[in-house]
């Protein structure tokens, strides 16, 4: 169910994106190779969606309570699964008409008009992806610093030094030639998702049964105003943990015939999501109740920053999350080389009001973990996640600077690839080091990026493409989802601006947070 980029046979025939067959550009030929299976698609999907941001789910459940939290968690999963399948159906339908669409902006161009792809969807996706790369690099640096401080509590190394280390690793791995070449890395990423989620759930259960177990209160606290903002905050957090932003690019990696393969890949991905999201969310909320903090790992330290679990266990959990963030960065960079990803922010429960809406999965985790590092040194990251979001950027660079008539590994193509991919990583690392409060800034753009790409545009694409009658339920289901998501965009933008104003006095370049 879905369409994909042409394989090598199709490439030789000159099948491309558009109303008539035409020669493929270098970005499509070299980065979006259609050689993968539905299982590889499942690996890519899982890495693009499942990330350490899920450690914020107990906090979100604390804002909604047991019933509201579990229902919202399940409903968001169903809506995104439905949304991504709609995208796949539209891609498959247009491919049958001779309009093979390999990128999100190609869909917008062919369905809504050239301006939508060139001036809205393309730049939006590019910004989201590159923002995710910055966020993942920042998270990786914070996680390394946390491990360093566990071993050397009085250590003098600064955050930007750890960010540079992570940036160096990303710089090397960013040279992976294509999205398809990440399949083994993303399989490891999938395993790491399960690993750090299992550690988080096991740690919560252990603490919940220990003599140091906190007093659990499952009531939703605060004034009426706080509860309203908290509800919107929680809905935004849960919704954006399911976001991807690069579904068409992932589907483009599947080898023909593609019938049903995207659906199978989504089933793989959502099997992991069910295990990790519900496992971490429910166990964390059960253990800590409405005292669940912005990132669950913050609850693994007491009020004096003393670990409630063995140090080796905390180090192991952070290593799992750090490595997983790297894989996500790779996918993001490949998209940045072509057009980019996503952002977020959020606030802690001990602030007077829950005003910051987390809109943009990766940056949500950025803001949460930045806040966590300020409060309790428990930031974690997932480097695998970052590689995923490098892919759109890489595709753009290949399209602009590579020669599709020459071999992918010829000197003519290798040199510009090395230069521009390295430059994109260096720039991302510089911004991560310079702006450790980046989550606040990205949340504003995430409100306008993540939700539209994953919740609004799929509904519009389907309705415009298939033109269901207004008497059919699917028309109104899609319309209602799009309108509700539009409300979240508006509220998220307002909350993001407010949080930037509140945090502005704390901003400092190259801060050691």
Protein backbone atom coordinates (compact mmCIF):
# COMPACT_ATOMS: atom_id res chain seq x y z
CA UNK A 1 0.00 0.00 0.00
CA UNK A 2 1.96 3.00 -1.22
CA UNK A 3 4.41 4.09 -3.85
CA UNK A 4 8.14 4.10 -3.84
CA UNK A 5 11.13 5.45 -5.65
CA UNK A 6 12.07 3.57 -8.80
CA UNK A 7 14.55 0.74 -8.56
CA UNK A 8 17.60 0.49 -10.73
CA UNK A 9 15.62 -1.04 -13.60
CA UNK A 10 13.06 1.72 -13.53
CA UNK A 11 15.74 4.35 -13.27
CA UNK A 12 17.24 3.20 -16.52
CA UNK A 13 13.86 3.73 -18.14
CA UNK A 14 13.71 7.27 -16.85
CA UNK A 15 10.68 6.99 -14.59
CA UNK A 16 10.49 9.91 -12.19
CA UNK A 17 8.19 12.22 -10.35
CA UNK A 18 5.66 14.13 -12.35
CA UNK A 19 2.85 13.73 -14.81
CA UNK A 20 5.10 12.18 -17.45
CA UNK A 21 8.18 9.97 -17.14
CA UNK A 22 11.37 11.97 -16.88
CA UNK A 23 14.94 11.52 -15.82
CA UNK A 24 15.49 11.22 -12.08
CA UNK A 25 17.54 13.83 -10.25
CA UNK A 26 20.61 12.82 -8.26
CA UNK A 27 18.77 13.14 -4.93
CA UNK A 28 16.21 10.54 -5.96
CA UNK A 29 18.77 8.25 -7.59
CA UNK A 30 21.44 8.28 -4.89
CA UNK A 31 19.61 8.91 -1.57
CA UNK A 32 16.08 7.57 -2.13
CA UNK A 33 17.02 4.24 -3.62
CA UNK A 34 14.10 1.81 -3.84
CA UNK A 35 15.77 -1.38 -2.72
CA UNK A 36 14.23 -2.03 0.69
CA UNK A 37 11.71 -4.59 1.92
CA UNK A 38 8.68 -3.95 4.10
CA UNK A 39 10.81 -5.02 7.07
CA UNK A 40 13.41 -2.36 6.27
CA UNK A 41 10.56 0.12 6.00
CA UNK A 42 9.49 -0.90 9.49
CA UNK A 43 13.00 -0.18 10.79
CA UNK A 44 13.01 3.29 9.20
CA UNK A 45 9.53 4.11 10.48
CA UNK A 46 10.37 3.01 14.01
CA UNK A 47 13.55 5.10 14.11
CA UNK A 48 11.75 8.17 12.77
CA UNK A 49 8.97 7.97 15.39
CA UNK A 50 10.10 6.13 18.51
CA UNK A 51 12.68 8.18 20.41
CA UNK A 52 13.59 9.21 23.99
CA UNK A 53 10.74 11.70 23.83
CA UNK A 54 8.53 8.82 24.98
CA UNK A 55 10.13 9.28 28.41
CA UNK A 56 7.83 12.29 28.77
CA UNK A 57 4.67 10.17 28.56
CA UNK A 58 4.27 9.61 32.35
CA UNK A 59 4.31 13.40 32.75
CA UNK A 60 1.59 13.72 30.10
CA UNK A 61 -0.53 11.05 31.80
CA UNK A 62 -0.14 12.98 35.05
CA UNK A 63 -1.81 15.99 33.41
CA UNK A 64 -4.79 13.90 32.28
CA UNK A 65 -5.20 11.17 34.89
CA UNK A 66 -5.53 7.44 34.29
CA UNK A 67 -8.64 7.38 32.14
CA UNK A 68 -7.97 10.49 30.06
CA UNK A 69 -4.28 9.68 29.67
CA UNK A 70 -4.67 6.10 28.46
CA UNK A 71 -7.53 7.04 26.12
CA UNK A 72 -5.53 9.92 24.63
CA UNK A 73 -2.44 7.71 24.23
CA UNK A 74 -4.46 5.07 22.37
CA UNK A 75 -6.43 7.57 20.29
CA UNK A 76 -3.30 9.41 19.11
CA UNK A 77 -1.82 6.10 18.03
CA UNK A 78 -4.94 5.18 16.05
CA UNK A 79 -5.15 8.59 14.38
CA UNK A 80 -1.50 8.61 13.26
CA UNK A 81 -1.68 5.00 12.05
CA UNK A 82 -4.73 6.01 10.04
CA UNK A 83 -3.05 9.20 8.80
CA UNK A 84 0.10 7.44 7.60
CA UNK A 85 -1.97 4.83 5.78
CA UNK A 86 -3.86 7.63 4.03
CA UNK A 87 -0.55 9.04 2.82
CA UNK A 88 0.42 5.61 1.54
CA UNK A 89 -2.86 5.22 -0.34
CA UNK A 90 -2.45 8.61 -1.99
CA UNK A 91 1.13 7.81 -3.01
CA UNK A 92 0.07 4.49 -4.52
CA UNK A 93 -2.87 6.02 -6.36
CA UNK A 94 -0.75 8.77 -7.93
CA UNK A 95 1.94 6.27 -8.92
CA UNK A 96 -0.64 4.32 -10.88
CA UNK A 97 -1.47 7.53 -12.73
CA UNK A 98 2.19 8.01 -13.66
CA UNK A 99 2.92 10.56 -10.91
CA UNK A 100 5.54 8.82 -8.81
CA UNK A 101 6.08 10.99 -5.73
CA UNK A 102 9.23 10.41 -3.73
CA UNK A 103 9.10 13.36 -1.35
CA UNK A 104 6.56 15.19 0.79
CA UNK A 105 7.00 18.35 -1.26
CA UNK A 106 6.34 16.36 -4.46
CA UNK A 107 2.96 15.35 -3.05
CA UNK A 108 2.10 18.93 -2.16
CA UNK A 109 3.20 20.16 -5.58
CA UNK A 110 1.14 17.62 -7.54
CA UNK A 111 -1.95 17.64 -5.32
CA UNK A 112 -2.25 21.23 -4.11
CA UNK A 113 -0.15 23.14 -6.62
CA UNK A 114 3.52 24.11 -7.20
CA UNK A 115 3.54 26.87 -4.60
CA UNK A 116 2.54 24.53 -1.80
CA UNK A 117 5.52 22.25 -2.38
CA UNK A 118 8.10 24.96 -3.04
CA UNK A 119 7.15 27.57 -0.47
CA UNK A 120 5.34 25.71 2.31
CA UNK A 121 5.85 21.95 2.64
CA UNK A 122 9.45 21.84 1.40
CA UNK A 123 10.90 24.56 3.63
CA UNK A 124 8.73 23.39 6.54
CA UNK A 125 10.00 19.82 6.35
CA UNK A 126 13.58 20.99 5.86
CA UNK A 127 13.43 23.21 8.93
CA UNK A 128 11.85 20.48 11.03
CA UNK A 129 14.48 17.94 9.98
CA UNK A 130 17.47 20.21 10.48
CA UNK A 131 16.05 21.33 13.80
CA UNK A 132 15.80 17.69 14.83
CA UNK A 133 19.45 17.17 13.93
CA UNK A 134 20.43 20.11 16.16
CA UNK A 135 18.18 18.81 18.93
CA UNK A 136 19.57 15.27 18.72
CA UNK A 137 23.14 16.53 18.83
CA UNK A 138 22.28 18.63 21.87
CA UNK A 139 20.59 15.67 23.55
CA UNK A 140 23.56 13.46 22.84
CA UNK A 141 25.86 16.00 24.47
CA UNK A 142 23.64 16.24 27.52
CA UNK A 143 23.54 12.47 27.86
CA UNK A 144 27.33 12.22 27.63
CA UNK A 145 27.66 14.93 30.26
CA UNK A 146 25.28 13.05 32.54
CA UNK A 147 27.37 9.88 32.24
CA UNK A 148 30.54 11.92 32.85
CA UNK A 149 29.11 13.47 36.02
CA UNK A 150 28.07 10.06 37.34
CA UNK A 151 31.70 8.97 37.08
CA UNK A 152 33.18 12.32 38.11
CA UNK A 153 30.69 14.43 40.12
CA UNK A 154 33.14 17.33 40.38
CA UNK A 155 34.13 17.27 36.71
CA UNK A 156 34.84 20.61 35.04
CA UNK A 157 34.04 19.77 31.42
CA UNK A 158 31.39 21.97 29.80
CA UNK A 159 28.30 20.93 27.88
CA UNK A 160 29.58 22.30 24.56
CA UNK A 161 32.59 19.96 24.78
CA UNK A 162 30.31 16.93 24.91
CA UNK A 163 28.20 18.32 22.10
CA UNK A 164 31.33 18.58 19.95
CA UNK A 165 32.12 14.91 20.67
CA UNK A 166 28.68 13.84 19.55
CA UNK A 167 28.94 16.09 16.51
CA UNK A 168 32.16 14.33 15.55
CA UNK A 169 30.44 10.94 15.56
CA UNK A 170 27.53 12.33 13.52
CA UNK A 171 30.01 13.86 11.05
CA UNK A 172 31.43 10.43 10.26
CA UNK A 173 28.13 8.58 10.09
CA UNK A 174 26.51 11.32 7.98
CA UNK A 175 28.54 10.05 5.02
CA UNK A 176 26.33 6.95 4.71
CA UNK A 177 25.40 7.10 1.01
CA UNK A 178 21.64 6.46 1.02
CA UNK A 179 18.53 6.06 3.14
CA UNK A 180 18.52 2.34 2.32
CA UNK A 181 22.09 2.00 3.63
CA UNK A 182 20.77 2.89 7.11
CA UNK A 183 18.61 -0.24 7.34
CA UNK A 184 21.00 -2.13 9.62
CA UNK A 185 21.64 0.94 11.77
CA UNK A 186 17.89 1.43 12.10
CA UNK A 187 17.43 -2.21 13.08
CA UNK A 188 19.90 -1.57 15.90
CA UNK A 189 17.96 1.61 16.67
CA UNK A 190 14.75 -0.43 16.97
CA UNK A 191 16.45 -2.77 19.41
CA UNK A 192 17.78 0.20 21.39
CA UNK A 193 14.24 1.64 21.58
CA UNK A 194 13.10 -1.57 23.22
CA UNK A 195 16.19 -1.60 25.45
CA UNK A 196 15.96 1.91 26.93
CA UNK A 197 12.18 1.58 27.25
CA UNK A 198 12.60 -1.70 29.13
CA UNK A 199 15.17 -0.02 31.39
CA UNK A 200 12.82 2.91 32.04
CA UNK A 201 9.86 0.64 32.82
CA UNK A 202 11.94 -1.72 34.96
CA UNK A 203 13.47 1.18 36.87
CA UNK A 204 10.03 2.65 37.55
CA UNK A 205 8.64 -0.67 38.78
CA UNK A 206 11.69 -1.26 40.98
CA UNK A 207 11.44 2.18 42.59
CA UNK A 208 7.67 1.77 42.97
CA UNK A 209 8.18 -1.38 45.04
CA UNK A 210 11.23 -0.17 46.98
CA UNK A 211 11.39 1.34 50.45
CA UNK A 212 12.12 4.69 48.79
CA UNK A 213 8.92 4.56 46.79
CA UNK A 214 7.29 7.99 46.58
CA UNK A 215 3.79 8.63 47.85
CA UNK A 216 1.60 8.19 44.80
CA UNK A 217 -1.21 10.61 44.01
CA UNK A 218 -3.10 10.15 40.74
CA UNK A 219 -5.31 13.21 41.03
CA UNK A 220 -5.00 16.06 38.51
CA UNK A 221 -3.87 19.02 40.59
CA UNK A 222 -3.82 22.79 40.07
CA UNK A 223 -6.29 25.57 39.48
CA UNK A 224 -8.89 25.43 36.72
CA UNK A 225 -6.58 27.49 34.49
CA UNK A 226 -3.66 25.15 35.17
CA UNK A 227 -5.78 22.12 34.35
CA UNK A 228 -6.91 23.57 31.04
CA UNK A 229 -3.38 24.40 29.96
CA UNK A 230 -2.21 21.07 31.33
CA UNK A 231 -4.78 19.20 29.26
CA UNK A 232 -3.70 20.91 26.04
CA UNK A 233 -0.09 20.37 27.00
CA UNK A 234 -0.63 16.64 27.54
CA UNK A 235 -2.56 16.21 24.29
CA UNK A 236 0.21 17.97 22.38
CA UNK A 237 2.92 15.90 24.03
CA UNK A 238 1.17 12.61 23.30
CA UNK A 239 0.25 13.60 19.75
CA UNK A 240 3.75 14.64 18.78
CA UNK A 241 5.42 11.53 20.19
CA UNK A 242 3.80 9.76 17.25
CA UNK A 243 4.93 12.27 14.60
CA UNK A 244 7.40 11.53 11.82
CA UNK A 245 7.34 14.15 9.05
CA UNK A 246 9.14 11.97 6.47
CA UNK A 247 6.63 9.23 5.63
CA UNK A 248 6.81 9.73 1.80
CA UNK A 249 10.62 9.60 1.86
CA UNK A 250 10.51 6.37 3.86
CA UNK A 251 7.99 4.81 1.47
CA UNK A 252 10.28 5.81 -1.41
CA UNK A 253 12.89 3.32 -0.13
CA UNK A 254 10.66 0.27 -0.74
CA UNK A 255 11.43 -1.88 -3.77
CA UNK A 256 8.58 -2.54 -6.24
CA UNK A 257 6.07 -4.07 -6.13
CA UNK A 258 4.98 -2.06 -3.11
CA UNK A 259 1.41 -3.27 -2.65
CA UNK A 260 0.80 -3.72 1.08
CA UNK A 261 4.44 -3.21 2.09
CA UNK A 262 3.96 0.17 3.78
CA UNK A 263 1.09 -1.25 5.81
CA UNK A 264 3.31 -4.13 6.98
CA UNK A 265 6.07 -1.68 7.84
CA UNK A 266 3.64 0.42 9.86
CA UNK A 267 2.50 -2.73 11.69
CA UNK A 268 6.12 -3.41 12.67
CA UNK A 269 6.56 0.16 13.83
CA UNK A 270 3.33 0.32 15.82
CA UNK A 271 4.03 -3.03 17.46
CA UNK A 272 7.16 -1.41 18.91
CA UNK A 273 5.16 1.72 19.77
CA UNK A 274 2.53 -0.22 21.72
CA UNK A 275 5.18 -2.02 23.77
CA UNK A 276 7.33 1.05 24.47
CA UNK A 277 4.79 3.86 24.78
CA UNK A 278 2.31 2.01 26.95
CA UNK A 279 5.02 0.23 28.91
CA UNK A 280 6.90 3.40 29.81
CA UNK A 281 3.85 5.64 30.16
CA UNK A 282 1.84 3.36 32.41
CA UNK A 283 4.72 2.07 34.56
CA UNK A 284 6.13 5.56 35.04
CA UNK A 285 2.79 7.07 35.98
CA UNK A 286 2.03 4.14 38.28
CA UNK A 287 5.34 4.61 40.12
CA UNK A 288 5.36 8.40 40.45
CA UNK A 289 1.77 9.56 39.93
CA UNK A 290 1.34 13.27 39.39
CA UNK A 291 4.94 13.80 40.55
CA UNK A 292 6.14 12.40 37.21
CA UNK A 293 8.62 14.88 35.78
CA UNK A 294 9.20 16.10 32.23
CA UNK A 295 11.53 13.18 31.54
CA UNK A 296 11.04 9.95 33.46
CA UNK A 297 14.77 9.66 34.17
CA UNK A 298 14.51 12.74 36.36
CA UNK A 299 12.40 10.67 38.75
CA UNK A 300 15.26 8.21 39.10
CA UNK A 301 17.07 10.79 41.25
CA UNK A 302 15.85 12.01 44.62
CA UNK A 303 15.52 15.63 45.68
CA UNK A 304 19.25 15.75 46.50
CA UNK A 305 20.15 14.36 43.05
CA UNK A 306 21.09 11.00 44.55
CA UNK A 307 20.31 8.03 42.28
CA UNK A 308 17.47 5.73 43.35
CA UNK A 309 18.87 3.01 41.11
CA UNK A 310 22.38 1.58 40.74
CA UNK A 311 24.77 3.88 38.89
CA UNK A 312 25.58 1.18 36.31
CA UNK A 313 21.87 0.93 35.49
CA UNK A 314 21.56 4.68 34.91
CA UNK A 315 24.69 4.69 32.75
CA UNK A 316 23.40 1.75 30.70
CA UNK A 317 20.04 3.46 30.14
CA UNK A 318 21.73 6.67 29.00
CA UNK A 319 24.07 4.79 26.67
CA UNK A 320 21.06 3.11 25.02
CA UNK A 321 19.25 6.40 24.55
CA UNK A 322 22.38 8.25 23.41
CA UNK A 323 23.08 5.69 20.70
CA UNK A 324 19.47 5.59 19.52
CA UNK A 325 19.41 9.37 19.09
CA UNK A 326 22.37 9.09 16.70
CA UNK A 327 20.39 6.87 14.32
CA UNK A 328 17.54 9.36 14.22
CA UNK A 329 20.01 12.13 13.42
CA UNK A 330 21.18 10.23 10.36
CA UNK A 331 17.68 10.00 8.91
CA UNK A 332 17.16 13.69 9.58
CA UNK A 333 20.41 14.73 7.91
CA UNK A 334 19.52 12.78 4.81
CA UNK A 335 16.29 14.74 4.66
CA UNK A 336 18.02 18.04 5.36
CA UNK A 337 20.26 17.59 2.41
CA UNK A 338 16.93 17.94 0.68
CA UNK A 339 14.47 19.59 3.06
CA UNK A 340 13.96 19.31 6.95
CA UNK A 341 12.23 18.14 10.45
CA UNK A 342 10.80 18.93 13.95
CA UNK A 343 10.78 20.58 17.34
CA UNK A 344 9.33 20.89 20.79
CA UNK A 345 9.26 22.22 24.28
CA UNK A 346 7.55 21.64 27.54
CA UNK A 347 7.54 22.66 31.16
CA UNK A 348 7.93 20.86 34.44
CA UNK A 349 5.16 20.03 36.82
CA UNK A 350 6.68 22.03 39.65
CA UNK A 351 6.26 25.27 37.73
CA UNK A 352 3.21 27.29 38.66
CA UNK A 353 1.41 26.62 35.41
CA UNK A 354 1.64 24.08 32.61
CA UNK A 355 1.78 26.45 29.71
CA UNK A 356 4.28 25.08 27.28
CA UNK A 357 2.85 22.88 24.54
CA UNK A 358 5.18 20.29 23.12
CA UNK A 359 4.74 20.30 19.39
CA UNK A 360 7.46 18.40 17.55
CA UNK A 361 8.63 15.07 18.89
CA UNK A 362 12.36 15.48 18.84
CA UNK A 363 12.35 18.99 20.15
CA UNK A 364 9.84 18.16 22.76
CA UNK A 365 12.37 15.76 24.12
CA UNK A 366 14.99 18.48 23.75
CA UNK A 367 13.10 20.90 25.94
CA UNK A 368 12.20 18.24 28.44
CA UNK A 369 15.72 16.97 28.72
CA UNK A 370 17.22 20.45 28.82
CA UNK A 371 14.90 21.19 31.68
CA UNK A 372 15.80 17.90 33.30
CA UNK A 373 19.50 18.65 33.09
CA UNK A 374 18.90 21.97 34.80
CA UNK A 375 16.94 20.35 37.58
CA UNK A 376 18.51 16.97 38.12
CA UNK A 377 21.27 16.06 35.69
CA UNK A 378 19.16 13.39 34.07
CA UNK A 379 19.11 14.22 30.40
CA UNK A 380 19.15 11.36 27.91
CA UNK A 381 19.41 11.20 24.17
CA UNK A 382 19.22 8.93 21.17
CA UNK A 383 21.78 9.40 18.48
CA UNK A 384 20.32 6.87 16.10
CA UNK A 385 17.26 9.06 15.91
CA UNK A 386 19.28 11.95 14.53
CA UNK A 387 20.67 10.05 11.54
CA UNK A 388 17.15 9.41 10.27
CA UNK A 389 16.49 13.12 10.01
CA UNK A 390 19.71 13.81 8.13
CA UNK A 391 18.25 12.06 5.09
CA UNK A 392 16.09 14.92 3.70
CA UNK A 393 19.10 17.24 3.91
CA UNK A 394 21.35 14.75 2.17
CA UNK A 395 18.81 14.30 -0.62
CA UNK A 396 18.73 18.06 -1.22
CA UNK A 397 22.52 18.26 -1.41
CA UNK A 398 22.67 15.36 -3.86
CA UNK A 399 20.02 16.97 -6.04
CA UNK A 400 21.79 20.35 -6.07
CA UNK A 401 25.43 19.34 -6.37
CA UNK A 402 25.71 15.75 -7.68
CA UNK A 403 25.71 14.68 -11.33
CA UNK A 404 23.14 11.89 -11.92
CA UNK A 405 24.90 10.93 -15.17
CA UNK A 406 28.01 9.88 -13.28
CA UNK A 407 28.50 7.05 -10.83
CA UNK A 408 27.37 7.73 -7.25
CA UNK A 409 30.88 6.98 -5.96
CA UNK A 410 32.80 8.83 -8.65
CA UNK A 411 35.22 11.54 -7.58
CA UNK A 412 32.89 14.15 -9.11
CA UNK A 413 30.07 13.16 -6.73
CA UNK A 414 31.99 12.07 -3.64
CA UNK A 415 33.78 15.40 -3.12
CA UNK A 416 30.68 17.66 -2.99
CA UNK A 417 28.85 15.03 -0.95
CA UNK A 418 31.64 14.99 1.64
CA UNK A 419 31.88 18.80 1.74
CA UNK A 420 28.20 19.66 2.04
CA UNK A 421 27.19 16.84 4.37
CA UNK A 422 30.08 17.74 6.65
CA UNK A 423 29.13 21.41 6.55
CA UNK A 424 25.52 20.63 7.53
CA UNK A 425 26.69 18.60 10.55
CA UNK A 426 29.24 21.23 11.59
CA UNK A 427 26.58 23.96 11.43
CA UNK A 428 24.11 21.82 13.40
CA UNK A 429 26.75 21.07 16.04
CA UNK A 430 27.65 24.77 16.32
CA UNK A 431 24.02 25.76 16.89
CA UNK A 432 23.54 22.94 19.42
CA UNK A 433 26.53 24.18 21.42
CA UNK A 434 25.64 27.85 21.08
CA UNK A 435 21.91 27.50 21.83
CA UNK A 436 21.35 24.94 24.59
CA UNK A 437 17.91 26.55 25.04
CA UNK A 438 17.14 25.58 21.43
CA UNK A 439 14.03 23.63 22.46
CA UNK A 440 12.14 26.80 23.31
CA UNK A 441 12.85 28.32 19.90
CA UNK A 442 12.07 25.14 17.99
CA UNK A 443 8.78 24.64 19.82
CA UNK A 444 7.42 27.74 18.12
CA UNK A 445 8.26 26.39 14.68
CA UNK A 446 7.23 22.87 15.68
CA UNK A 447 3.73 24.13 16.33
CA UNK A 448 3.57 25.10 12.65
CA UNK A 449 5.45 22.05 11.32
CA UNK A 450 4.97 18.74 13.03
CA UNK A 451 1.19 18.80 13.39
CA UNK A 452 0.50 20.06 9.82
CA UNK A 453 2.73 17.45 8.18
CA UNK A 454 1.42 14.45 10.10
CA UNK A 455 -2.13 15.32 11.13
CA UNK A 456 -3.50 17.91 8.71
CA UNK A 457 -1.95 17.46 5.25
CA UNK A 458 -2.61 13.68 5.00
CA UNK A 459 -6.32 14.35 5.49
CA UNK A 460 -6.31 17.12 2.89
CA UNK A 461 -4.28 15.07 0.41
CA UNK A 462 -6.73 12.17 0.66
CA UNK A 463 -9.87 14.30 0.32
CA UNK A 464 -8.46 16.26 -2.63
CA UNK A 465 -7.15 13.14 -4.39
CA UNK A 466 -10.10 10.77 -3.96
CA UNK A 467 -12.81 13.43 -3.59
CA UNK A 468 -15.08 11.48 -1.22
CA UNK A 469 -18.68 12.68 -1.09
CA UNK A 470 -19.72 14.86 1.83
CA UNK A 471 -22.24 12.12 2.57
CA UNK A 472 -19.44 9.64 3.24
CA UNK A 473 -18.16 9.32 6.83
CA UNK A 474 -14.51 9.36 5.73
CA UNK A 475 -14.85 12.93 4.44
CA UNK A 476 -16.05 14.18 7.82
CA UNK A 477 -13.61 12.04 9.80
CA UNK A 478 -10.71 13.55 7.85
CA UNK A 479 -12.14 17.06 8.12
CA UNK A 480 -12.66 16.79 11.89
CA UNK A 481 -9.13 15.47 12.46
CA UNK A 482 -7.66 18.30 10.37
CA UNK A 483 -9.69 20.99 12.18
CA UNK A 484 -8.87 19.62 15.65
CA UNK A 485 -5.20 19.52 14.73
CA UNK A 486 -5.40 23.10 13.49
CA UNK A 487 -6.63 24.14 16.94
CA UNK A 488 -3.60 22.41 18.49
CA UNK A 489 -1.32 24.36 16.14
CA UNK A 490 -2.79 27.67 17.30
CA UNK A 491 -2.73 26.88 21.00
CA UNK A 492 0.77 25.41 20.71
CA UNK A 493 2.09 28.53 19.02
CA UNK A 494 0.64 30.77 21.72
CA UNK A 495 2.07 28.62 24.51
CA UNK A 496 5.46 28.46 22.79
CA UNK A 497 5.71 32.24 22.52
CA UNK A 498 4.74 32.59 26.16
CA UNK A 499 7.42 30.10 27.23
CA UNK A 500 10.07 31.94 25.22
CA UNK A 501 9.13 35.15 27.03
CA UNK A 502 9.26 33.42 30.42
CA UNK A 503 12.64 31.80 29.73
CA UNK A 504 14.27 34.73 27.92
CA UNK A 505 16.07 35.96 31.04
CA UNK A 506 17.80 32.56 31.37
CA UNK A 507 19.13 32.48 27.80
CA UNK A 508 22.91 32.55 27.49
CA UNK A 509 25.05 31.56 24.53
CA UNK A 510 27.16 28.43 25.09
CA UNK A 511 25.56 27.98 28.52
CA UNK A 512 26.69 24.97 30.56
CA UNK A 513 23.20 23.62 31.23
